[in-house]
Amino acid sequence: FLILNNALRFGAVALLGSVINFVGYVFIIAATVGLGYLYLLGMHPEALPIFPIISYVVCGYVVSRLTLNVFGLAVSTFQQCFLLCEEEKDKIEGHHDFVPTQMLRILQLKPIENQNTADLEKE
């Protein structure tokens, strides 16, 4: 029921994620094509650039899909872990040594006594 209870949050992250993925795809493909074209001009200025540029686009697309799929998986995993900790914070009070210290303040949990609280005091 985690997804159903937080449908709006998942929708917002999905919408924002699709925009970030599009920008990431465009940036990675453009950077790959641009740098590939500059390398091609530097090494073979007389070469016809059509086929190498097509291969740069394909290579940039594959790299961007692989990279941003890993990014999307990491975002989804973090979101589900955060929402689960937020919903179950009453049950994990006092047993939350698996929660990163930076996230304790967001969840409004008190640090465990033996946990290093220096990170919390810095911020």
Foldseek 3Di string as FASTA:
>chain_A
DLCVVPVVVVVVCVVVLVVVLVVLLVVQLVVQLVVQVVVCCVPPVPDDCPVVSVVSNVVSNVVSVVVSVVVVVVVVVVVSVLSVCLVCVVVCAQPVPVDDLVCCVVSVHDDHPPDDCPVVVVD
